[in-house]
C-alpha atoms as a PDB file:
ATOM      1  CA  MET A   1    -130.987  37.340   1.545  1.00  0.00           C
ATOM      2  CA  PRO A   2    -134.757  37.622   1.067  1.00  0.00           C
ATOM      3  CA  ALA A   3    -135.946  40.966  -0.224  1.00  0.00           C
ATOM      4  CA  ALA A   4    -138.192  41.400   2.778  1.00  0.00           C
ATOM      5  CA  VAL A   5    -135.321  41.830   5.197  1.00  0.00           C
ATOM      6  CA  LEU A   6    -134.031  44.903   3.383  1.00  0.00           C
ATOM      7  CA  LEU A   7    -136.752  47.017   4.998  1.00  0.00           C
ATOM      8  CA  LEU A   8    -136.978  49.219   8.046  1.00  0.00           C
ATOM      9  CA  VAL A   9    -134.106  50.162  10.225  1.00  0.00           C
ATOM     10  CA  THR A  10    -135.638  53.013  12.178  1.00  0.00           C
ATOM     11  CA  ALA A  11    -133.822  55.188  14.654  1.00  0.00           C
ATOM     12  CA  CYS A  12    -134.971  55.394  18.221  1.00  0.00           C
ATOM     13  CA  SER A  13    -133.042  57.295  20.813  1.00  0.00           C
ATOM     14  CA  ASP A  14    -131.056  55.478  23.484  1.00  0.00           C
ATOM     15  CA  ASP A  15    -133.080  55.352  26.674  1.00  0.00           C
ATOM     16  CA  PRO A  16    -131.483  54.834  30.087  1.00  0.00           C
ATOM     17  CA  SER A  17    -134.751  53.353  31.358  1.00  0.00           C
ATOM     18  CA  GLU A  18    -133.999  50.234  29.265  1.00  0.00           C
ATOM     19  CA  SER A  19    -136.821  50.829  26.788  1.00  0.00           C
ATOM     20  CA  CYS A  20    -136.601  51.911  23.164  1.00  0.00           C
ATOM     21  CA  TYR A  21    -140.327  52.626  22.785  1.00  0.00           C
ATOM     22  CA  PRO A  22    -143.541  52.144  24.762  1.00  0.00           C
ATOM     23  CA  ALA A  23    -144.719  48.547  25.096  1.00  0.00           C
ATOM     24  CA  THR A  24    -148.231  48.099  23.695  1.00  0.00           C
ATOM     25  CA  VAL A  25    -148.396  44.359  24.456  1.00  0.00           C
ATOM     26  CA  GLN A  26    -148.165  44.168  28.211  1.00  0.00           C
ATOM     27  CA  ALA A  27    -145.982  41.613  29.973  1.00  0.00           C
ATOM     28  CA  SER A  28    -148.921  40.882  32.275  1.00  0.00           C
ATOM     29  CA  ARG A  29    -150.126  38.476  29.569  1.00  0.00           C
ATOM     30  CA  CYS A  30    -147.265  36.237  30.694  1.00  0.00           C
ATOM     31  CA  ASP A  31    -147.331  36.874  34.434  1.00  0.00           C
ATOM     32  CA  PRO A  32    -147.987  33.645  36.381  1.00  0.00           C
ATOM     33  CA  ALA A  33    -149.852  35.709  38.961  1.00  0.00           C
ATOM     34  CA  THR A  34    -152.580  36.548  36.442  1.00  0.00           C
ATOM     35  CA  ALA A  35    -152.167  34.181  33.456  1.00  0.00           C
ATOM     36  CA  THR A  36    -152.592  30.454  32.914  1.00  0.00           C
ATOM     37  CA  PHE A  37    -150.411  28.351  30.640  1.00  0.00           C
ATOM     38  CA  SER A  38    -150.411  25.171  28.588  1.00  0.00           C
ATOM     39  CA  LEU A  39    -147.901  23.096  26.640  1.00  0.00           C
ATOM     40  CA  ALA A  40    -150.354  23.139  23.731  1.00  0.00           C
ATOM     41  CA  SER A  41    -149.151  24.918  20.594  1.00  0.00           C
ATOM     42  CA  THR A  42    -151.757  27.091  18.870  1.00  0.00           C
ATOM     43  CA  ASN A  43    -149.765  30.194  17.867  1.00  0.00           C
ATOM     44  CA  ARG A  44    -149.027  29.658  14.190  1.00  0.00           C
ATOM     45  CA  TYR A  45    -146.152  32.155  14.114  1.00  0.00           C
ATOM     46  CA  TYR A  46    -144.281  30.537  17.002  1.00  0.00           C
ATOM     47  CA  PRO A  47    -145.160  26.819  17.016  1.00  0.00           C
ATOM     48  CA  LEU A  48    -143.769  24.757  19.877  1.00  0.00           C
ATOM     49  CA  ARG A  49    -144.316  21.230  18.589  1.00  0.00           C
ATOM     50  CA  VAL A  50    -142.018  18.661  20.153  1.00  0.00           C
ATOM     51  CA  GLY A  51    -139.491  17.376  17.626  1.00  0.00           C
ATOM     52  CA  SER A  52    -139.828  20.310  15.247  1.00  0.00           C
ATOM     53  CA  GLU A  53    -136.579  21.661  13.826  1.00  0.00           C
ATOM     54  CA  VAL A  54    -135.779  24.743  11.754  1.00  0.00           C
ATOM     55  CA  VAL A  55    -132.342  25.326  10.238  1.00  0.00           C
ATOM     56  CA  ILE A  56    -131.391  28.784   8.994  1.00  0.00           C
ATOM     57  CA  GLU A  57    -128.083  29.504   7.264  1.00  0.00           C
ATOM     58  CA  GLY A  58    -126.191  32.388   5.725  1.00  0.00           C
ATOM     59  CA  VAL A  59    -122.852  34.136   5.321  1.00  0.00           C
ATOM     60  CA  ASP A  60    -121.778  37.043   7.511  1.00  0.00           C
ATOM     61  CA  GLU A  61    -118.522  38.877   6.736  1.00  0.00           C
ATOM     62  CA  GLY A  62    -117.182  35.796   4.984  1.00  0.00           C
ATOM     63  CA  ALA A  63    -118.126  33.345   7.756  1.00  0.00           C
ATOM     64  CA  THR A  64    -120.753  30.648   7.254  1.00  0.00           C
ATOM     65  CA  ILE A  65    -123.411  30.816   9.968  1.00  0.00           C
ATOM     66  CA  ARG A  66    -125.771  27.936  10.718  1.00  0.00           C
ATOM     67  CA  VAL A  67    -128.437  27.938  13.436  1.00  0.00           C
ATOM     68  CA  GLU A  68    -130.395  24.817  14.374  1.00  0.00           C
ATOM     69  CA  ARG A  69    -133.554  25.377  16.449  1.00  0.00           C
ATOM     70  CA  ARG A  70    -135.199  22.283  17.983  1.00  0.00           C
ATOM     71  CA  VAL A  71    -138.113  21.877  20.376  1.00  0.00           C
ATOM     72  CA  LEU A  72    -136.941  19.169  22.750  1.00  0.00           C
ATOM     73  CA  SER A  73    -139.123  16.577  24.439  1.00  0.00           C
ATOM     74  CA  GLU A  74    -137.963  17.718  27.876  1.00  0.00           C
ATOM     75  CA  THR A  75    -139.615  20.505  29.844  1.00  0.00           C
ATOM     76  CA  GLN A  76    -138.339  22.996  32.407  1.00  0.00           C
ATOM     77  CA  VAL A  77    -140.181  24.464  35.383  1.00  0.00           C
ATOM     78  CA  VAL A  78    -139.475  28.195  35.685  1.00  0.00           C
ATOM     79  CA  LEU A  79    -141.255  30.411  38.221  1.00  0.00           C
ATOM     80  CA  GLY A  80    -143.619  27.529  38.896  1.00  0.00           C
ATOM     81  CA  VAL A  81    -144.623  27.150  35.230  1.00  0.00           C
ATOM     82  CA  THR A  82    -143.811  24.115  33.076  1.00  0.00           C
ATOM     83  CA  THR A  83    -142.238  25.355  29.853  1.00  0.00           C
ATOM     84  CA  HIS A  84    -140.986  23.880  26.602  1.00  0.00           C
ATOM     85  CA  VAL A  85    -137.231  23.780  26.005  1.00  0.00           C
ATOM     86  CA  LEU A  86    -136.221  25.087  22.583  1.00  0.00           C
ATOM     87  CA  GLU A  87    -132.541  24.426  21.983  1.00  0.00           C
ATOM     88  CA  ALA A  88    -130.763  26.735  19.545  1.00  0.00           C
ATOM     89  CA  LYS A  89    -127.259  25.809  18.391  1.00  0.00           C
ATOM     90  CA  GLU A  90    -125.188  28.259  16.355  1.00  0.00           C
ATOM     91  CA  PHE A  91    -122.163  27.201  14.325  1.00  0.00           C
ATOM     92  CA  VAL A  92    -119.611  29.531  12.713  1.00  0.00           C
ATOM     93  CA  ASP A  93    -117.657  27.927   9.858  1.00  0.00           C
ATOM     94  CA  GLY A  94    -118.667  24.554  11.263  1.00  0.00           C
ATOM     95  CA  ALA A  95    -117.449  25.206  14.810  1.00  0.00           C
ATOM     96  CA  LEU A  96    -119.923  25.337  17.688  1.00  0.00           C
ATOM     97  CA  TYR A  97    -120.267  28.952  18.845  1.00  0.00           C
ATOM     98  CA  GLU A  98    -123.371  29.076  21.062  1.00  0.00           C
ATOM     99  CA  VAL A  99    -125.939  26.796  22.654  1.00  0.00           C
ATOM    100  CA  ALA A 100    -129.057  28.426  24.092  1.00  0.00           C
ATOM    101  CA  ARG A 101    -131.770  26.527  25.926  1.00  0.00           C
ATOM    102  CA  ASN A 102    -134.822  28.779  25.671  1.00  0.00           C
ATOM    103  CA  PHE A 103    -137.863  28.360  27.911  1.00  0.00           C
ATOM    104  CA  TYR A 104    -141.148  29.098  26.098  1.00  0.00           C
ATOM    105  CA  VAL A 105    -144.782  28.384  26.884  1.00  0.00           C
ATOM    106  CA  GLU A 106    -148.167  29.535  25.595  1.00  0.00           C
ATOM    107  CA  ALA A 107    -150.539  31.530  27.739  1.00  0.00           C
ATOM    108  CA  ALA A 108    -154.238  30.668  27.536  1.00  0.00           C
ATOM    109  CA  ASP A 109    -154.858  33.517  25.059  1.00  0.00           C
ATOM    110  CA  GLY A 110    -152.242  32.136  22.621  1.00  0.00           C
ATOM    111  CA  THR A 111    -149.442  34.567  23.506  1.00  0.00           C
ATOM    112  CA  VAL A 112    -146.073  32.789  23.489  1.00  0.00           C
ATOM    113  CA  CYS A 113    -144.178  33.736  26.634  1.00  0.00           C
ATOM    114  CA  TYR A 114    -140.437  33.735  27.221  1.00  0.00           C
ATOM    115  CA  PHE A 115    -139.350  32.549  30.674  1.00  0.00           C
ATOM    116  CA  GLY A 116    -135.598  32.805  30.126  1.00  0.00           C
ATOM    117  CA  GLU A 117    -132.637  30.988  28.665  1.00  0.00           C
ATOM    118  CA  ASP A 118    -129.492  29.175  29.697  1.00  0.00           C
ATOM    119  CA  VAL A 119    -126.709  30.284  27.348  1.00  0.00           C
ATOM    120  CA  SER A 120    -123.276  28.772  26.731  1.00  0.00           C
ATOM    121  CA  PHE A 121    -120.740  30.400  24.416  1.00  0.00           C
ATOM    122  CA  TYR A 122    -117.883  28.254  23.132  1.00  0.00           C
ATOM    123  CA  GLU A 123    -114.267  28.975  22.219  1.00  0.00           C
ATOM    124  CA  ASN A 124    -112.064  26.236  20.767  1.00  0.00           C
ATOM    125  CA  GLY A 125    -114.629  23.602  21.682  1.00  0.00           C
ATOM    126  CA  VAL A 126    -115.000  24.496  25.364  1.00  0.00           C
ATOM    127  CA  VAL A 127    -117.471  26.703  27.229  1.00  0.00           C
ATOM    128  CA  ALA A 128    -116.127  30.231  27.565  1.00  0.00           C
ATOM    129  CA  ASN A 129    -118.997  31.978  29.359  1.00  0.00           C
ATOM    130  CA  HIS A 130    -122.723  32.042  29.994  1.00  0.00           C
ATOM    131  CA  ASP A 131    -123.337  35.682  29.091  1.00  0.00           C
ATOM    132  CA  GLY A 132    -126.974  36.619  28.557  1.00  0.00           C
ATOM    133  CA  SER A 133    -128.438  33.822  30.679  1.00  0.00           C
ATOM    134  CA  TRP A 134    -131.546  34.739  32.663  1.00  0.00           C
ATOM    135  CA  ARG A 135    -134.595  33.129  34.223  1.00  0.00           C
ATOM    136  CA  ALA A 136    -137.910  34.576  35.277  1.00  0.00           C
ATOM    137  CA  GLY A 137    -138.135  34.657  39.039  1.00  0.00           C
ATOM    138  CA  GLU A 138    -134.414  35.258  39.570  1.00  0.00           C
ATOM    139  CA  GLY A 139    -133.662  38.783  40.774  1.00  0.00           C
ATOM    140  CA  ASP A 140    -136.028  41.228  39.094  1.00  0.00           C
ATOM    141  CA  ALA A 141    -136.558  39.059  36.007  1.00  0.00           C
ATOM    142  CA  MET A 142    -140.082  38.259  34.866  1.00  0.00           C
ATOM    143  CA  PRO A 143    -141.439  36.515  31.736  1.00  0.00           C
ATOM    144  CA  GLY A 144    -141.456  38.414  28.456  1.00  0.00           C
ATOM    145  CA  VAL A 145    -143.531  38.135  25.279  1.00  0.00           C
ATOM    146  CA  ILE A 146    -141.873  36.376  22.337  1.00  0.00           C
ATOM    147  CA  MET A 147    -144.940  36.361  20.035  1.00  0.00           C
ATOM    148  CA  PRO A 148    -148.370  37.984  20.534  1.00  0.00           C
ATOM    149  CA  SER A 149    -151.422  35.805  20.057  1.00  0.00           C
ATOM    150  CA  ALA A 150    -152.574  37.844  17.045  1.00  0.00           C
ATOM    151  CA  PRO A 151    -149.608  39.842  15.718  1.00  0.00           C
ATOM    152  CA  SER A 152    -150.567  43.294  14.447  1.00  0.00           C
ATOM    153  CA  VAL A 153    -148.465  46.058  12.935  1.00  0.00           C
ATOM    154  CA  GLY A 154    -147.428  48.433  15.689  1.00  0.00           C
ATOM    155  CA  ASP A 155    -147.370  45.847  18.461  1.00  0.00           C
ATOM    156  CA  ALA A 156    -144.337  46.430  20.678  1.00  0.00           C
ATOM    157  CA  TYR A 157    -143.187  44.472  23.711  1.00  0.00           C
ATOM    158  CA  PHE A 158    -140.331  43.261  25.856  1.00  0.00           C
ATOM    159  CA  GLN A 159    -139.177  39.864  24.651  1.00  0.00           C
ATOM    160  CA  GLU A 160    -136.683  39.505  27.479  1.00  0.00           C
ATOM    161  CA  ASN A 161    -137.651  40.985  30.828  1.00  0.00           C
ATOM    162  CA  ALA A 162    -134.547  40.821  33.019  1.00  0.00           C
ATOM    163  CA  PRO A 163    -133.557  44.400  33.943  1.00  0.00           C
ATOM    164  CA  GLY A 164    -129.852  45.080  33.523  1.00  0.00           C
ATOM    165  CA  VAL A 165    -129.234  41.623  32.049  1.00  0.00           C
ATOM    166  CA  ALA A 166    -131.520  40.972  29.049  1.00  0.00           C
ATOM    167  CA  ARG A 167    -134.104  43.486  27.812  1.00  0.00           C
ATOM    168  CA  ASP A 168    -134.583  42.746  24.116  1.00  0.00           C
ATOM    169  CA  MET A 169    -137.654  44.367  22.574  1.00  0.00           C
ATOM    170  CA  GLY A 170    -139.709  43.461  19.508  1.00  0.00           C
ATOM    171  CA  ARG A 171    -141.761  45.683  17.204  1.00  0.00           C
ATOM    172  CA  ILE A 172    -144.042  44.213  14.552  1.00  0.00           C
ATOM    173  CA  ALA A 173    -143.372  46.035  11.301  1.00  0.00           C
ATOM    174  CA  SER A 174    -145.385  43.934   8.837  1.00  0.00           C
ATOM    175  CA  THR A 175    -147.663  40.908   8.610  1.00  0.00           C
ATOM    176  CA  THR A 176    -147.630  40.648   4.803  1.00  0.00           C
ATOM    177  CA  GLU A 177    -144.005  39.940   3.899  1.00  0.00           C
ATOM    178  CA  SER A 178    -143.147  37.271   1.325  1.00  0.00           C
ATOM    179  CA  LEU A 179    -140.628  34.478   1.778  1.00  0.00           C
ATOM    180  CA  ALA A 180    -140.082  31.442  -0.456  1.00  0.00           C
ATOM    181  CA  PHE A 181    -139.198  28.061   1.016  1.00  0.00           C
ATOM    182  CA  ASP A 182    -139.372  24.523  -0.363  1.00  0.00           C
ATOM    183  CA  GLY A 183    -141.111  25.624  -3.563  1.00  0.00           C
ATOM    184  CA  VAL A 184    -143.810  27.626  -1.766  1.00  0.00           C
ATOM    185  CA  THR A 185    -144.010  31.412  -1.512  1.00  0.00           C
ATOM    186  CA  HIS A 186    -145.550  32.503   1.766  1.00  0.00           C
ATOM    187  CA  ASP A 187    -147.215  35.917   1.590  1.00  0.00           C
ATOM    188  CA  ASP A 188    -148.393  36.221   5.193  1.00  0.00           C
ATOM    189  CA  VAL A 189    -144.992  36.343   6.854  1.00  0.00           C
ATOM    190  CA  VAL A 190    -144.599  38.461   9.988  1.00  0.00           C
ATOM    191  CA  MET A 191    -141.602  40.788  10.225  1.00  0.00           C
ATOM    192  CA  ILE A 192    -140.471  41.712  13.726  1.00  0.00           C
ATOM    193  CA  MET A 193    -137.773  44.300  14.334  1.00  0.00           C
ATOM    194  CA  ASP A 194    -135.633  43.224  17.298  1.00  0.00           C
ATOM    195  CA  THR A 195    -133.578  45.688  19.316  1.00  0.00           C
ATOM    196  CA  ASN A 196    -131.534  45.650  22.511  1.00  0.00           C
ATOM    197  CA  PRO A 197    -132.067  48.733  24.705  1.00  0.00           C
ATOM    198  CA  LEU A 198    -129.018  47.803  26.797  1.00  0.00           C
ATOM    199  CA  GLU A 199    -126.835  48.381  23.724  1.00  0.00           C
ATOM    200  CA  SER A 200    -128.377  50.754  21.181  1.00  0.00           C
ATOM    201  CA  CYS A 201    -131.952  51.526  20.235  1.00  0.00           C
ATOM    202  CA  ALA A 202    -130.697  52.697  16.830  1.00  0.00           C
ATOM    203  CA  ASP A 203    -129.830  49.137  15.753  1.00  0.00           C
ATOM    204  CA  GLU A 204    -132.790  46.983  14.794  1.00  0.00           C
ATOM    205  CA  GLU A 205    -132.620  43.520  13.244  1.00  0.00           C
ATOM    206  CA  PRO A 206    -135.513  42.194  11.169  1.00  0.00           C
ATOM    207  CA  LYS A 207    -136.634  38.611  11.743  1.00  0.00           C
ATOM    208  CA  LEU A 208    -139.203  36.837   9.596  1.00  0.00           C
ATOM    209  CA  TYR A 209    -141.737  34.264  10.814  1.00  0.00           C
ATOM    210  CA  ILE A 210    -143.543  31.880   8.453  1.00  0.00           C
ATOM    211  CA  PRO A 211    -146.933  30.590   9.691  1.00  0.00           C
ATOM    212  CA  GLY A 212    -146.622  26.990  10.833  1.00  0.00           C
ATOM    213  CA  ILE A 213    -142.818  27.164  10.863  1.00  0.00           C
ATOM    214  CA  GLY A 214    -141.773  30.093  13.027  1.00  0.00           C
ATOM    215  CA  GLU A 215    -138.502  32.027  12.836  1.00  0.00           C
ATOM    216  CA  SER A 216    -137.263  31.625   9.264  1.00  0.00           C
ATOM    217  CA  ALA A 217    -134.917  34.474   8.302  1.00  0.00           C
ATOM    218  CA  ASP A 218    -132.997  37.542   9.437  1.00  0.00           C
ATOM    219  CA  THR A 219    -130.524  39.958   7.844  1.00  0.00           C
ATOM    220  CA  VAL A 220    -127.956  37.194   7.296  1.00  0.00           C
ATOM    221  CA  LYS A 221    -129.663  33.806   7.464  1.00  0.00           C
ATOM    222  CA  THR A 222    -132.637  32.212   5.761  1.00  0.00           C
ATOM    223  CA  ILE A 223    -134.402  28.900   6.201  1.00  0.00           C
ATOM    224  CA  THR A 224    -132.850  25.842   4.528  1.00  0.00           C
ATOM    225  CA  SER A 225    -134.753  22.964   6.201  1.00  0.00           C
ATOM    226  CA  PHE A 226    -137.792  22.292   8.367  1.00  0.00           C
ATOM    227  CA  VAL A 227    -139.062  19.241  10.256  1.00  0.00           C
ATOM    228  CA  PRO A 228    -142.609  19.807  11.569  1.00  0.00           C
ATOM    229  CA  GLY A 229    -142.459  17.621  14.655  1.00  0.00           C
ATOM    230  CA  ALA A 230    -145.396  16.040  16.462  1.00  0.00           C
END
């Protein structure tokens, strides 16, 4: 486990309004009514280059966890916006546990917006449920922010914006963490503390983002391979 992920688990009180703290990065950045979007990829902390792949691995309570994140060549139209499809597959001791098809796109200001995900959880090789699935435009769900255009310590925002279904929040705790990968030590790594207001605001999980690569580590897993894509 990288030393950086040993930092910062702060307590915030449970909040029935589905928020752990005030959002300083407004979801309006990702609202199709006011924002414009492009399949270009300019945000260095959350690149969306077709064909790119990041693998992170670790051990959690004796089980080997492997997550493969790939930006597919296909796109998905959500709430009238054409988004990238980032497929994340999680394996536990070699067995497929979860497949999530995440819908991301950049706003014109470089903010990476999250338009939802189709989730499939597996048991014994077959789909068991689709818990956590949501799409902007369905019910009260609207796009969230997955990465600000210029991450700054103190930024806070809703990553998932589906009331009662998915309301994950992110809080930027540092932009100067260090993480070594492939013989290079990166000293400008962003640490984001993720929390789920629908469960407990007291539990925060750090995730680390390497410039040019994206999500690269958490409390359990760290990056083992990277393909940059087109």
